[in-house]
């Protein structure tokens, strides 16, 4: 229920499309990762059927969603709707680190923007085998068969705070962006604030950005701090209490009823291990 990405094995899942590496936590409905990209590297234009949120913690991003290209800094959330054509590269200024949250209606493997999706979602193991055999691990290049969405995506950039080093809010404050499958929350809380549920309606991942929390998931308790991750499965009792050393700042994600219905009906996509 409680994790830290430091010390976990880093994985490079899409070497034919992206330089992204990092550890991963796999929930029932979502993948939750801490991703790194070296300066000047990143993801080529691609797409996937599952929804993705990215929240930069360090560095700057040259981001494209559909036709909208922007330089993004920490504090701004980027939303990639299902099938949206996108690219996400670290600028030359320095390395990039960001939170990466993707639903499990498809695997972690995307398709290049100029190719069709495969009939079944590939796994990271299948991609690695194809590369080892000297084969391109995608489909035949054919822009006409691509399902990538370029137009009509709307504004996918959500500035949540000017800087992650900005002064804390004076009161409990939540900024929420709900996609079709995942809800993202940026939360600031003063000392003594308590939140939680006797029975979690949705799956949650929570990443502590600053400060300390006394966290409980089920019967397990822990004082968590910057860099800690809390995983709350559906149906589990959970509580977050800001310590006297508050305030605290954290990012939280939750599955939506729509995503849960899909997973309950069809199951989660084959996991990244293959």
Foldseek 3Di string as FASTA:
>chain_A
DKDFQPPADKDDQEVVFFPWIFDWDDDQWKIKTKIKDWAPTTGAWWFAQKKKKKAWDDAWKQKDWQHDTDIDDHQKMFIHHHLTTMIIHGHNPGMTIIMMMITQQAEPDTAHQQFAADPHHDASVQCVVCVVVVHHSHHDGHNVRGSHHRPDPPDRMGRRDPHLPDDADPAWDWDWDDDPWKIKIKIKHWAFDKDWDQFAQWKKKKAWQAAWWFKDWAHDTDIDGHRMMDTHHGGITMMIHGHNRDTTIMMMMTTDPSSVVCCVVPNGGDYNVD
